[in-house]
Amino acid sequence: MNITLQYFDGCPNWQVADRRLLEALELAGRGATAVDRRLVSTPEEAEAVGFRGSPTMLINGVDPFADPEAPVGLSCRVYRTDAGLAGSPTVEQLLAVLR
Protein backbone atom coordinates (compact mmCIF):
# COMPACT_ATOMS: atom_id res chain seq x y z
CA MET A 1 0.00 0.00 0.00
CA ASN A 2 1.35 3.41 -1.02
CA ILE A 3 0.20 6.38 1.05
CA THR A 4 1.00 9.99 0.29
CA LEU A 5 0.03 12.92 2.48
CA GLN A 6 0.10 16.13 0.45
CA TYR A 7 0.10 19.42 2.34
CA PHE A 8 1.20 23.02 2.33
CA ASP A 9 2.71 24.86 5.27
CA GLY A 10 -0.03 27.51 5.37
CA CYS A 11 -2.55 25.02 6.71
CA PRO A 12 -2.05 23.42 10.15
CA ASN A 13 -4.68 20.71 9.51
CA TRP A 14 -2.15 18.45 7.80
CA GLN A 15 -0.49 17.76 11.17
CA VAL A 16 -3.80 16.56 12.64
CA ALA A 17 -4.38 14.43 9.55
CA ASP A 18 -0.89 12.98 9.84
CA ARG A 19 -1.47 11.90 13.45
CA ARG A 20 -4.89 10.45 12.64
CA LEU A 21 -3.50 8.63 9.61
CA LEU A 22 -0.73 7.03 11.70
CA GLU A 23 -3.28 6.00 14.33
CA ALA A 24 -5.58 4.50 11.69
CA LEU A 25 -2.68 2.58 10.15
CA GLU A 26 -1.83 1.10 13.56
CA LEU A 27 -5.47 0.13 14.19
CA ALA A 28 -5.68 -1.45 10.73
CA GLY A 29 -2.60 -3.57 11.43
CA ARG A 30 -0.55 -1.58 8.90
CA GLY A 31 1.66 0.33 11.32
CA ALA A 32 4.79 -0.47 9.32
CA THR A 33 3.39 1.29 6.23
CA ALA A 34 5.47 4.30 5.25
CA VAL A 35 3.71 7.60 4.66
CA ASP A 36 5.25 9.82 1.98
CA ARG A 37 4.73 13.42 3.10
CA ARG A 38 4.84 15.81 0.16
CA LEU A 39 4.96 19.56 0.53
CA VAL A 40 3.10 21.41 -2.22
CA SER A 41 4.52 24.91 -2.17
CA THR A 42 3.48 26.80 -5.31
CA PRO A 43 0.25 27.30 -7.24
CA GLU A 44 1.97 25.81 -10.28
CA GLU A 45 2.90 22.67 -8.37
CA ALA A 46 -0.66 22.44 -7.01
CA GLU A 47 -2.01 22.60 -10.54
CA ALA A 48 0.49 20.01 -11.80
CA VAL A 49 -0.45 17.42 -9.16
CA GLY A 50 -4.17 18.25 -8.96
CA PHE A 51 -3.84 19.34 -5.32
CA ARG A 52 -7.31 20.10 -3.95
CA GLY A 53 -6.21 21.42 -0.61
CA SER A 54 -4.30 20.57 2.51
CA PRO A 55 -4.32 17.88 3.70
CA THR A 56 -4.87 15.49 0.81
CA MET A 57 -4.28 11.79 1.32
CA LEU A 58 -3.65 9.48 -1.60
CA ILE A 59 -4.05 5.74 -1.11
CA ASN A 60 -2.33 3.91 -3.96
CA GLY A 61 -2.52 7.15 -5.92
CA VAL A 62 -6.26 7.68 -5.35
CA ASP A 63 -7.88 10.35 -3.20
CA PRO A 64 -10.66 8.43 -1.39
CA PHE A 65 -12.23 11.69 -0.19
CA ALA A 66 -12.10 13.47 -3.55
CA ASP A 67 -14.60 16.18 -4.34
CA PRO A 68 -14.40 16.74 -8.10
CA GLU A 69 -15.97 20.19 -7.60
CA ALA A 70 -13.21 21.37 -5.23
CA PRO A 71 -10.82 23.86 -6.77
CA VAL A 72 -7.16 23.07 -7.28
CA GLY A 73 -4.82 25.30 -5.30
CA LEU A 74 -3.09 26.13 -2.04
CA SER A 75 -5.92 26.14 0.47
CA CYS A 76 -7.05 24.31 3.57
CA ARG A 77 -9.32 21.42 2.72
CA VAL A 78 -12.59 20.62 4.52
CA TYR A 79 -13.90 17.11 5.18
CA ARG A 80 -17.44 16.03 6.05
CA THR A 81 -17.53 14.04 9.28
CA ASP A 82 -20.32 12.81 11.55
CA ALA A 83 -19.57 15.79 13.81
CA GLY A 84 -19.74 18.29 10.92
CA LEU A 85 -17.06 19.88 8.76
CA ALA A 86 -13.46 19.35 9.87
CA GLY A 87 -9.95 19.99 8.62
CA SER A 88 -9.15 16.26 8.54
CA PRO A 89 -10.98 12.96 8.16
CA THR A 90 -11.64 11.14 11.41
CA VAL A 91 -9.67 8.05 12.41
CA GLU A 92 -12.82 6.01 11.64
CA GLN A 93 -13.08 7.46 8.13
CA LEU A 94 -9.42 6.73 7.52
CA LEU A 95 -9.82 3.17 8.81
CA ALA A 96 -12.67 2.62 6.36
CA VAL A 97 -10.47 3.51 3.38
CA LEU A 98 -7.43 1.59 4.65
CA ARG A 99 -9.20 -1.76 4.97
PDB file of N, CA and C in Angstrom:
ATOM      1  N   MET A   1       0.844  -1.173   0.000  1.00  0.00           N
ATOM      2  CA  MET A   1       0.000   0.000   0.000  1.00  0.00           C
ATOM      3  C   MET A   1       0.893   1.241   0.000  1.00  0.00           C
ATOM      4  N   ASN A   2       0.626   2.143  -0.934  1.00  0.00           N
ATOM      5  CA  ASN A   2       1.352   3.411  -1.016  1.00  0.00           C
ATOM      6  C   ASN A   2       0.462   4.526  -0.492  1.00  0.00           C
ATOM      7  N   ILE A   3       0.971   5.281   0.473  1.00  0.00           N
ATOM      8  CA  ILE A   3       0.205   6.377   1.052  1.00  0.00           C
ATOM      9  C   ILE A   3       1.018   7.657   0.942  1.00  0.00           C
ATOM     10  N   THR A   4       0.374   8.682   0.401  1.00  0.00           N
ATOM     11  CA  THR A   4       0.998   9.994   0.291  1.00  0.00           C
ATOM     12  C   THR A   4       0.111  11.004   1.001  1.00  0.00           C
ATOM     13  N   LEU A   5       0.724  11.822   1.823  1.00  0.00           N
ATOM     14  CA  LEU A   5       0.029  12.925   2.478  1.00  0.00           C
ATOM     15  C   LEU A   5       0.567  14.210   1.866  1.00  0.00           C
ATOM     16  N   GLN A   6      -0.276  14.872   1.081  1.00  0.00           N
ATOM     17  CA  GLN A   6       0.105  16.132   0.455  1.00  0.00           C
ATOM     18  C   GLN A   6      -0.375  17.275   1.349  1.00  0.00           C
ATOM     19  N   TYR A   7       0.458  18.296   1.469  1.00  0.00           N
ATOM     20  CA  TYR A   7       0.103  19.419   2.337  1.00  0.00           C
ATOM     21  C   TYR A   7       0.828  20.679   1.889  1.00  0.00           C
ATOM     22  N   PHE A   8       0.404  21.808   2.460  1.00  0.00           N
ATOM     23  CA  PHE A   8       1.204  23.016   2.328  1.00  0.00           C
ATOM     24  C   PHE A   8       1.301  23.652   3.702  1.00  0.00           C
ATOM     25  N   ASP A   9       2.400  24.348   3.938  1.00  0.00           N
ATOM     26  CA  ASP A   9       2.706  24.864   5.269  1.00  0.00           C
ATOM     27  C   ASP A   9       1.712  25.886   5.787  1.00  0.00           C
ATOM     28  N   GLY A  10       0.932  26.506   4.929  1.00  0.00           N
ATOM     29  CA  GLY A  10      -0.027  27.510   5.368  1.00  0.00           C
ATOM     30  C   GLY A  10      -1.247  26.949   6.053  1.00  0.00           C
ATOM     31  N   CYS A  11      -1.375  25.644   6.105  1.00  0.00           N
ATOM     32  CA  CYS A  11      -2.548  25.015   6.707  1.00  0.00           C
ATOM     33  C   CYS A  11      -2.112  24.034   7.797  1.00  0.00           C
ATOM     34  N   PRO A  12      -2.472  24.291   9.064  1.00  0.00           N
ATOM     35  CA  PRO A  12      -2.050  23.416  10.152  1.00  0.00           C
ATOM     36  C   PRO A  12      -2.798  22.081  10.200  1.00  0.00           C
ATOM     37  N   ASN A  13      -3.873  21.932   9.446  1.00  0.00           N
ATOM     38  CA  ASN A  13      -4.681  20.708   9.513  1.00  0.00           C
ATOM     39  C   ASN A  13      -3.925  19.462   9.075  1.00  0.00           C
ATOM     40  N   TRP A  14      -2.880  19.632   8.278  1.00  0.00           N
ATOM     41  CA  TRP A  14      -2.152  18.451   7.800  1.00  0.00           C
ATOM     42  C   TRP A  14      -1.503  17.711   8.970  1.00  0.00           C
ATOM     43  N   GLN A  15      -1.121  18.419  10.025  1.00  0.00           N
ATOM     44  CA  GLN A  15      -0.490  17.762  11.166  1.00  0.00           C
ATOM     45  C   GLN A  15      -1.488  16.900  11.919  1.00  0.00           C
ATOM     46  N   VAL A  16      -2.729  17.363  12.031  1.00  0.00           N
ATOM     47  CA  VAL A  16      -3.800  16.563  12.638  1.00  0.00           C
ATOM     48  C   VAL A  16      -4.057  15.331  11.779  1.00  0.00           C
ATOM     49  N   ALA A  17      -4.147  15.542  10.470  1.00  0.00           N
ATOM     50  CA  ALA A  17      -4.383  14.430   9.548  1.00  0.00           C
ATOM     51  C   ALA A  17      -3.255  13.409   9.626  1.00  0.00           C
ATOM     52  N   ASP A  18      -2.029  13.880   9.749  1.00  0.00           N
ATOM     53  CA  ASP A  18      -0.885  12.983   9.845  1.00  0.00           C
ATOM     54  C   ASP A  18      -1.003  12.101  11.086  1.00  0.00           C
ATOM     55  N   ARG A  19      -1.314  12.690  12.219  1.00  0.00           N
ATOM     56  CA  ARG A  19      -1.470  11.904  13.455  1.00  0.00           C
ATOM     57  C   ARG A  19      -2.609  10.901  13.330  1.00  0.00           C
ATOM     58  N   ARG A  20      -3.739  11.346  12.791  1.00  0.00           N
ATOM     59  CA  ARG A  20      -4.885  10.448  12.636  1.00  0.00           C
ATOM     60  C   ARG A  20      -4.583   9.322  11.656  1.00  0.00           C
ATOM     61  N   LEU A  21      -3.871   9.633  10.601  1.00  0.00           N
ATOM     62  CA  LEU A  21      -3.496   8.626   9.614  1.00  0.00           C
ATOM     63  C   LEU A  21      -2.606   7.562  10.248  1.00  0.00           C
ATOM     64  N   LEU A  22      -1.617   7.990  11.023  1.00  0.00           N
ATOM     65  CA  LEU A  22      -0.731   7.031  11.699  1.00  0.00           C
ATOM     66  C   LEU A  22      -1.506   6.168  12.688  1.00  0.00           C
ATOM     67  N   GLU A  23      -2.445   6.777  13.396  1.00  0.00           N
ATOM     68  CA  GLU A  23      -3.279   6.003  14.328  1.00  0.00           C
ATOM     69  C   GLU A  23      -4.139   4.989  13.579  1.00  0.00           C
ATOM     70  N   ALA A  24      -4.739   5.404  12.485  1.00  0.00           N
ATOM     71  CA  ALA A  24      -5.576   4.499  11.692  1.00  0.00           C
ATOM     72  C   ALA A  24      -4.754   3.355  11.114  1.00  0.00           C
ATOM     73  N   LEU A  25      -3.553   3.642  10.671  1.00  0.00           N
ATOM     74  CA  LEU A  25      -2.680   2.581  10.147  1.00  0.00           C
ATOM     75  C   LEU A  25      -2.368   1.564  11.238  1.00  0.00           C
ATOM     76  N   GLU A  26      -2.086   2.015  12.445  1.00  0.00           N
ATOM     77  CA  GLU A  26      -1.835   1.096  13.564  1.00  0.00           C
ATOM     78  C   GLU A  26      -3.061   0.234  13.831  1.00  0.00           C
ATOM     79  N   LEU A  27      -4.224   0.856  13.909  1.00  0.00           N
ATOM     80  CA  LEU A  27      -5.466   0.127  14.194  1.00  0.00           C
ATOM     81  C   LEU A  27      -5.811  -0.868  13.088  1.00  0.00           C
ATOM     82  N   ALA A  28      -5.407  -0.561  11.868  1.00  0.00           N
ATOM     83  CA  ALA A  28      -5.685  -1.446  10.727  1.00  0.00           C
ATOM     84  C   ALA A  28      -4.632  -2.546  10.597  1.00  0.00           C
ATOM     85  N   GLY A  29      -3.651  -2.567  11.509  1.00  0.00           N
ATOM     86  CA  GLY A  29      -2.597  -3.570  11.427  1.00  0.00           C
ATOM     87  C   GLY A  29      -1.573  -3.269  10.351  1.00  0.00           C
ATOM     88  N   ARG A  30      -1.482  -2.000   9.954  1.00  0.00           N
ATOM     89  CA  ARG A  30      -0.546  -1.583   8.902  1.00  0.00           C
ATOM     90  C   ARG A  30       0.436  -0.538   9.426  1.00  0.00           C
ATOM     91  N   GLY A  31       0.791  -0.649  10.693  1.00  0.00           N
ATOM     92  CA  GLY A  31       1.656   0.326  11.323  1.00  0.00           C
ATOM     93  C   GLY A  31       3.021   0.480  10.682  1.00  0.00           C
ATOM     94  N   ALA A  32       3.471  -0.532   9.964  1.00  0.00           N
ATOM     95  CA  ALA A  32       4.785  -0.465   9.318  1.00  0.00           C
ATOM     96  C   ALA A  32       4.729   0.239   7.958  1.00  0.00           C
ATOM     97  N   THR A  33       3.535   0.628   7.522  1.00  0.00           N
ATOM     98  CA  THR A  33       3.389   1.286   6.228  1.00  0.00           C
ATOM     99  C   THR A  33       3.996   2.686   6.278  1.00  0.00           C
ATOM    100  N   ALA A  34       4.847   2.977   5.332  1.00  0.00           N
ATOM    101  CA  ALA A  34       5.475   4.300   5.255  1.00  0.00           C
ATOM    102  C   ALA A  34       4.493   5.300   4.660  1.00  0.00           C
ATOM    103  N   VAL A  35       4.518   6.500   5.194  1.00  0.00           N
ATOM    104  CA  VAL A  35       3.710   7.600   4.660  1.00  0.00           C
ATOM    105  C   VAL A  35       4.662   8.597   4.005  1.00  0.00           C
ATOM    106  N   ASP A  36       4.443   8.854   2.733  1.00  0.00           N
ATOM    107  CA  ASP A  36       5.248   9.816   1.984  1.00  0.00           C
ATOM    108  C   ASP A  36       4.597  11.187   2.153  1.00  0.00           C
ATOM    109  N   ARG A  37       5.248  12.066   2.879  1.00  0.00           N
ATOM    110  CA  ARG A  37       4.733  13.415   3.096  1.00  0.00           C
ATOM    111  C   ARG A  37       5.308  14.335   2.023  1.00  0.00           C
ATOM    112  N   ARG A  38       4.406  14.975   1.281  1.00  0.00           N
ATOM    113  CA  ARG A  38       4.842  15.813   0.164  1.00  0.00           C
ATOM    114  C   ARG A  38       4.341  17.239   0.324  1.00  0.00           C
ATOM    115  N   LEU A  39       5.269  18.139   0.438  1.00  0.00           N
ATOM    116  CA  LEU A  39       4.962  19.561   0.531  1.00  0.00           C
ATOM    117  C   LEU A  39       4.637  20.089  -0.864  1.00  0.00           C
ATOM    118  N   VAL A  40       3.488  20.731  -0.986  1.00  0.00           N
ATOM    119  CA  VAL A  40       3.101  21.414  -2.222  1.00  0.00           C
ATOM    120  C   VAL A  40       3.262  22.896  -1.916  1.00  0.00           C
ATOM    121  N   SER A  41       4.160  23.560  -2.608  1.00  0.00           N
ATOM    122  CA  SER A  41       4.518  24.910  -2.166  1.00  0.00           C
ATOM    123  C   SER A  41       4.193  26.046  -3.129  1.00  0.00           C
ATOM    124  N   THR A  42       3.797  25.730  -4.360  1.00  0.00           N
ATOM    125  CA  THR A  42       3.479  26.801  -5.311  1.00  0.00           C
ATOM    126  C   THR A  42       2.157  26.501  -6.013  1.00  0.00           C
ATOM    127  N   PRO A  43       1.475  27.534  -6.477  1.00  0.00           N
ATOM    128  CA  PRO A  43       0.250  27.305  -7.243  1.00  0.00           C
ATOM    129  C   PRO A  43       0.491  26.445  -8.479  1.00  0.00           C
ATOM    130  N   GLU A  44       1.649  26.598  -9.093  1.00  0.00           N
ATOM    131  CA  GLU A  44       1.975  25.806 -10.285  1.00  0.00           C
ATOM    132  C   GLU A  44       2.119  24.329  -9.936  1.00  0.00           C
ATOM    133  N   GLU A  45       2.757  24.054  -8.818  1.00  0.00           N
ATOM    134  CA  GLU A  45       2.896  22.670  -8.369  1.00  0.00           C
ATOM    135  C   GLU A  45       1.531  22.090  -8.005  1.00  0.00           C
ATOM    136  N   ALA A  46       0.690  22.891  -7.348  1.00  0.00           N
ATOM    137  CA  ALA A  46      -0.665  22.441  -7.005  1.00  0.00           C
ATOM    138  C   ALA A  46      -1.435  22.061  -8.265  1.00  0.00           C
ATOM    139  N   GLU A  47      -1.329  22.877  -9.268  1.00  0.00           N
ATOM    140  CA  GLU A  47      -2.009  22.602 -10.543  1.00  0.00           C
ATOM    141  C   GLU A  47      -1.460  21.328 -11.179  1.00  0.00           C
ATOM    142  N   ALA A  48      -0.150  21.166 -11.156  1.00  0.00           N
ATOM    143  CA  ALA A  48       0.487  20.011 -11.799  1.00  0.00           C
ATOM    144  C   ALA A  48       0.084  18.686 -11.158  1.00  0.00           C
ATOM    145  N   VAL A  49      -0.105  18.682  -9.837  1.00  0.00           N
ATOM    146  CA  VAL A  49      -0.445  17.419  -9.158  1.00  0.00           C
ATOM    147  C   VAL A  49      -1.930  17.299  -8.843  1.00  0.00           C
ATOM    148  N   GLY A  50      -2.729  18.305  -9.227  1.00  0.00           N
ATOM    149  CA  GLY A  50      -4.166  18.248  -8.964  1.00  0.00           C
ATOM    150  C   GLY A  50      -4.486  18.377  -7.482  1.00  0.00           C
ATOM    151  N   PHE A  51      -3.722  19.170  -6.770  1.00  0.00           N
ATOM    152  CA  PHE A  51      -3.843  19.342  -5.322  1.00  0.00           C
ATOM    153  C   PHE A  51      -5.107  20.130  -4.980  1.00  0.00           C
ATOM    154  N   ARG A  52      -6.025  19.484  -4.277  1.00  0.00           N
ATOM    155  CA  ARG A  52      -7.309  20.098  -3.948  1.00  0.00           C
ATOM    156  C   ARG A  52      -7.382  20.564  -2.501  1.00  0.00           C
ATOM    157  N   GLY A  53      -6.234  20.861  -1.948  1.00  0.00           N
ATOM    158  CA  GLY A  53      -6.212  21.424  -0.607  1.00  0.00           C
ATOM    159  C   GLY A  53      -5.468  20.557   0.383  1.00  0.00           C
ATOM    160  N   SER A  54      -5.086  21.205   1.467  1.00  0.00           N
ATOM    161  CA  SER A  54      -4.300  20.567   2.515  1.00  0.00           C
ATOM    162  C   SER A  54      -5.195  20.239   3.705  1.00  0.00           C
ATOM    163  N   PRO A  55      -5.115  19.013   4.164  1.00  0.00           N
ATOM    164  CA  PRO A  55      -4.315  17.885   3.698  1.00  0.00           C
ATOM    165  C   PRO A  55      -5.070  17.056   2.665  1.00  0.00           C
ATOM    166  N   THR A  56      -4.322  16.461   1.752  1.00  0.00           N
ATOM    167  CA  THR A  56      -4.873  15.494   0.806  1.00  0.00           C
ATOM    168  C   THR A  56      -4.133  14.184   1.005  1.00  0.00           C
ATOM    169  N   MET A  57      -4.882  13.108   1.165  1.00  0.00           N
ATOM    170  CA  MET A  57      -4.283  11.786   1.320  1.00  0.00           C
ATOM    171  C   MET A  57      -4.566  10.948   0.083  1.00  0.00           C
ATOM    172  N   LEU A  58      -3.526  10.361  -0.442  1.00  0.00           N
ATOM    173  CA  LEU A  58      -3.652   9.478  -1.601  1.00  0.00           C
ATOM    174  C   LEU A  58      -3.326   8.065  -1.155  1.00  0.00           C
ATOM    175  N   ILE A  59      -4.241   7.154  -1.404  1.00  0.00           N
ATOM    176  CA  ILE A  59      -4.046   5.737  -1.105  1.00  0.00           C
ATOM    177  C   ILE A  59      -3.861   5.038  -2.442  1.00  0.00           C
ATOM    178  N   ASN A  60      -2.671   4.508  -2.666  1.00  0.00           N
ATOM    179  CA  ASN A  60      -2.326   3.910  -3.960  1.00  0.00           C
ATOM    180  C   ASN A  60      -2.653   4.861  -5.106  1.00  0.00           C
ATOM    181  N   GLY A  61      -2.346   6.148  -4.888  1.00  0.00           N
ATOM    182  CA  GLY A  61      -2.520   7.152  -5.922  1.00  0.00           C
ATOM    183  C   GLY A  61      -3.919   7.717  -6.064  1.00  0.00           C
ATOM    184  N   VAL A  62      -4.864   7.254  -5.248  1.00  0.00           N
ATOM    185  CA  VAL A  62      -6.260   7.682  -5.352  1.00  0.00           C
ATOM    186  C   VAL A  62      -6.658   8.457  -4.104  1.00  0.00           C
ATOM    187  N   ASP A  63      -7.353   9.556  -4.302  1.00  0.00           N
ATOM    188  CA  ASP A  63      -7.880  10.351  -3.199  1.00  0.00           C
ATOM    189  C   ASP A  63      -9.263   9.802  -2.835  1.00  0.00           C
ATOM    190  N   PRO A  64      -9.373   9.039  -1.732  1.00  0.00           N
ATOM    191  CA  PRO A  64     -10.659   8.428  -1.392  1.00  0.00           C
ATOM    192  C   PRO A  64     -11.707   9.434  -0.921  1.00  0.00           C
ATOM    193  N   PHE A  65     -11.317  10.650  -0.660  1.00  0.00           N
ATOM    194  CA  PHE A  65     -12.234  11.685  -0.193  1.00  0.00           C
ATOM    195  C   PHE A  65     -12.416  12.781  -1.246  1.00  0.00           C
ATOM    196  N   ALA A  66     -12.108  12.472  -2.479  1.00  0.00           N
ATOM    197  CA  ALA A  66     -12.104  13.466  -3.552  1.00  0.00           C
ATOM    198  C   ALA A  66     -13.468  14.106  -3.750  1.00  0.00           C
ATOM    199  N   ASP A  67     -13.434  15.403  -3.944  1.00  0.00           N
ATOM    200  CA  ASP A  67     -14.598  16.176  -4.344  1.00  0.00           C
ATOM    201  C   ASP A  67     -14.239  16.781  -5.691  1.00  0.00           C
ATOM    202  N   PRO A  68     -14.785  16.257  -6.774  1.00  0.00           N
ATOM    203  CA  PRO A  68     -14.400  16.743  -8.101  1.00  0.00           C
ATOM    204  C   PRO A  68     -14.738  18.219  -8.324  1.00  0.00           C
ATOM    205  N   GLU A  69     -15.596  18.782  -7.476  1.00  0.00           N
ATOM    206  CA  GLU A  69     -15.966  20.189  -7.603  1.00  0.00           C
ATOM    207  C   GLU A  69     -14.992  21.115  -6.856  1.00  0.00           C
ATOM    208  N   ALA A  70     -14.139  20.544  -6.008  1.00  0.00           N
ATOM    209  CA  ALA A  70     -13.207  21.366  -5.233  1.00  0.00           C
ATOM    210  C   ALA A  70     -12.150  21.969  -6.157  1.00  0.00           C
ATOM    211  N   PRO A  71     -11.832  23.222  -5.925  1.00  0.00           N
ATOM    212  CA  PRO A  71     -10.823  23.862  -6.774  1.00  0.00           C
ATOM    213  C   PRO A  71      -9.418  23.352  -6.466  1.00  0.00           C
ATOM    214  N   VAL A  72      -8.565  23.408  -7.460  1.00  0.00           N
ATOM    215  CA  VAL A  72      -7.157  23.067  -7.282  1.00  0.00           C
ATOM    216  C   VAL A  72      -6.449  24.325  -6.775  1.00  0.00           C
ATOM    217  N   GLY A  73      -5.575  24.150  -5.778  1.00  0.00           N
ATOM    218  CA  GLY A  73      -4.818  25.299  -5.297  1.00  0.00           C
ATOM    219  C   GLY A  73      -4.344  25.122  -3.872  1.00  0.00           C
ATOM    220  N   LEU A  74      -3.643  26.135  -3.396  1.00  0.00           N
ATOM    221  CA  LEU A  74      -3.093  26.134  -2.044  1.00  0.00           C
ATOM    222  C   LEU A  74      -4.147  26.674  -1.082  1.00  0.00           C
ATOM    223  N   SER A  75      -4.886  25.770  -0.477  1.00  0.00           N
ATOM    224  CA  SER A  75      -5.921  26.144   0.474  1.00  0.00           C
ATOM    225  C   SER A  75      -6.064  25.031   1.503  1.00  0.00           C
ATOM    226  N   CYS A  76      -6.732  25.351   2.590  1.00  0.00           N
ATOM    227  CA  CYS A  76      -7.053  24.312   3.568  1.00  0.00           C
ATOM    228  C   CYS A  76      -8.275  23.564   3.055  1.00  0.00           C
ATOM    229  N   ARG A  77      -8.240  22.277   3.195  1.00  0.00           N
ATOM    230  CA  ARG A  77      -9.320  21.422   2.721  1.00  0.00           C
ATOM    231  C   ARG A  77     -10.297  21.145   3.859  1.00  0.00           C
ATOM    232  N   VAL A  78     -11.559  20.929   3.533  1.00  0.00           N
ATOM    233  CA  VAL A  78     -12.585  20.624   4.516  1.00  0.00           C
ATOM    234  C   VAL A  78     -13.152  19.238   4.220  1.00  0.00           C
ATOM    235  N   TYR A  79     -13.352  18.465   5.283  1.00  0.00           N
ATOM    236  CA  TYR A  79     -13.901  17.112   5.181  1.00  0.00           C
ATOM    237  C   TYR A  79     -15.228  17.036   5.917  1.00  0.00           C
ATOM    238  N   ARG A  80     -16.163  16.284   5.362  1.00  0.00           N
ATOM    239  CA  ARG A  80     -17.439  16.034   6.050  1.00  0.00           C
ATOM    240  C   ARG A  80     -17.248  14.868   7.014  1.00  0.00           C
ATOM    241  N   THR A  81     -17.602  15.094   8.267  1.00  0.00           N
ATOM    242  CA  THR A  81     -17.528  14.039   9.278  1.00  0.00           C
ATOM    243  C   THR A  81     -18.881  13.951   9.969  1.00  0.00           C
ATOM    244  N   ASP A  82     -19.069  12.942  10.798  1.00  0.00           N
ATOM    245  CA  ASP A  82     -20.325  12.813  11.546  1.00  0.00           C
ATOM    246  C   ASP A  82     -20.546  13.998  12.484  1.00  0.00           C
ATOM    247  N   ALA A  83     -19.473  14.647  12.904  1.00  0.00           N
ATOM    248  CA  ALA A  83     -19.570  15.793  13.810  1.00  0.00           C
ATOM    249  C   ALA A  83     -19.665  17.124  13.055  1.00  0.00           C
ATOM    250  N   GLY A  84     -19.701  17.077  11.723  1.00  0.00           N
ATOM    251  CA  GLY A  84     -19.740  18.292  10.924  1.00  0.00           C
ATOM    252  C   GLY A  84     -18.473  18.444  10.105  1.00  0.00           C
ATOM    253  N   LEU A  85     -18.249  19.632   9.584  1.00  0.00           N
ATOM    254  CA  LEU A  85     -17.065  19.876   8.761  1.00  0.00           C
ATOM    255  C   LEU A  85     -15.825  19.944   9.640  1.00  0.00           C
ATOM    256  N   ALA A  86     -14.720  19.376   9.125  1.00  0.00           N
ATOM    257  CA  ALA A  86     -13.465  19.349   9.867  1.00  0.00           C
ATOM    258  C   ALA A  86     -12.301  19.481   8.896  1.00  0.00           C
ATOM    259  N   GLY A  87     -11.146  19.809   9.435  1.00  0.00           N
ATOM    260  CA  GLY A  87      -9.955  19.992   8.621  1.00  0.00           C
ATOM    261  C   GLY A  87      -9.238  18.704   8.289  1.00  0.00           C
ATOM    262  N   SER A  88      -9.756  17.575   8.787  1.00  0.00           N
ATOM    263  CA  SER A  88      -9.145  16.264   8.541  1.00  0.00           C
ATOM    264  C   SER A  88     -10.219  15.193   8.662  1.00  0.00           C
ATOM    265  N   PRO A  89     -10.071  14.088   7.934  1.00  0.00           N
ATOM    266  CA  PRO A  89     -10.977  12.964   8.158  1.00  0.00           C
ATOM    267  C   PRO A  89     -10.759  12.419   9.575  1.00  0.00           C
ATOM    268  N   THR A  90     -11.768  11.774  10.105  1.00  0.00           N
ATOM    269  CA  THR A  90     -11.637  11.139  11.413  1.00  0.00           C
ATOM    270  C   THR A  90     -10.821   9.850  11.282  1.00  0.00           C
ATOM    271  N   VAL A  91     -10.383   9.340  12.407  1.00  0.00           N
ATOM    272  CA  VAL A  91      -9.672   8.051  12.412  1.00  0.00           C
ATOM    273  C   VAL A  91     -10.584   6.974  11.822  1.00  0.00           C
ATOM    274  N   GLU A  92     -11.857   7.013  12.160  1.00  0.00           N
ATOM    275  CA  GLU A  92     -12.819   6.011  11.641  1.00  0.00           C
ATOM    276  C   GLU A  92     -12.941   6.095  10.122  1.00  0.00           C
ATOM    277  N   GLN A  93     -13.011   7.310   9.591  1.00  0.00           N
ATOM    278  CA  GLN A  93     -13.077   7.458   8.132  1.00  0.00           C
ATOM    279  C   GLN A  93     -11.813   6.949   7.464  1.00  0.00           C
ATOM    280  N   LEU A  94     -10.686   7.218   8.079  1.00  0.00           N
ATOM    281  CA  LEU A  94      -9.423   6.725   7.520  1.00  0.00           C
ATOM    282  C   LEU A  94      -9.363   5.204   7.594  1.00  0.00           C
ATOM    283  N   LEU A  95      -9.801   4.632   8.693  1.00  0.00           N
ATOM    284  CA  LEU A  95      -9.824   3.166   8.809  1.00  0.00           C
ATOM    285  C   LEU A  95     -10.665   2.549   7.697  1.00  0.00           C
ATOM    286  N   ALA A  96     -11.775   3.152   7.405  1.00  0.00           N
ATOM    287  CA  ALA A  96     -12.675   2.619   6.361  1.00  0.00           C
ATOM    288  C   ALA A  96     -11.980   2.554   5.002  1.00  0.00           C
ATOM    289  N   VAL A  97     -11.122   3.523   4.693  1.00  0.00           N
ATOM    290  CA  VAL A  97     -10.469   3.514   3.379  1.00  0.00           C
ATOM    291  C   VAL A  97      -9.170   2.717   3.388  1.00  0.00           C
ATOM    292  N   LEU A  98      -8.670   2.369   4.567  1.00  0.00           N
ATOM    293  CA  LEU A  98      -7.434   1.589   4.649  1.00  0.00           C
ATOM    294  C   LEU A  98      -7.686   0.092   4.647  1.00  0.00           C
ATOM    295  N   ARG A  99      -8.891  -0.326   4.887  1.00  0.00           N
ATOM    296  CA  ARG A  99      -9.198  -1.758   4.973  1.00  0.00           C
ATOM    297  C   ARG A  99      -9.525  -2.363   3.647  1.00  0.00           C
TER     298      ARG A  99
END
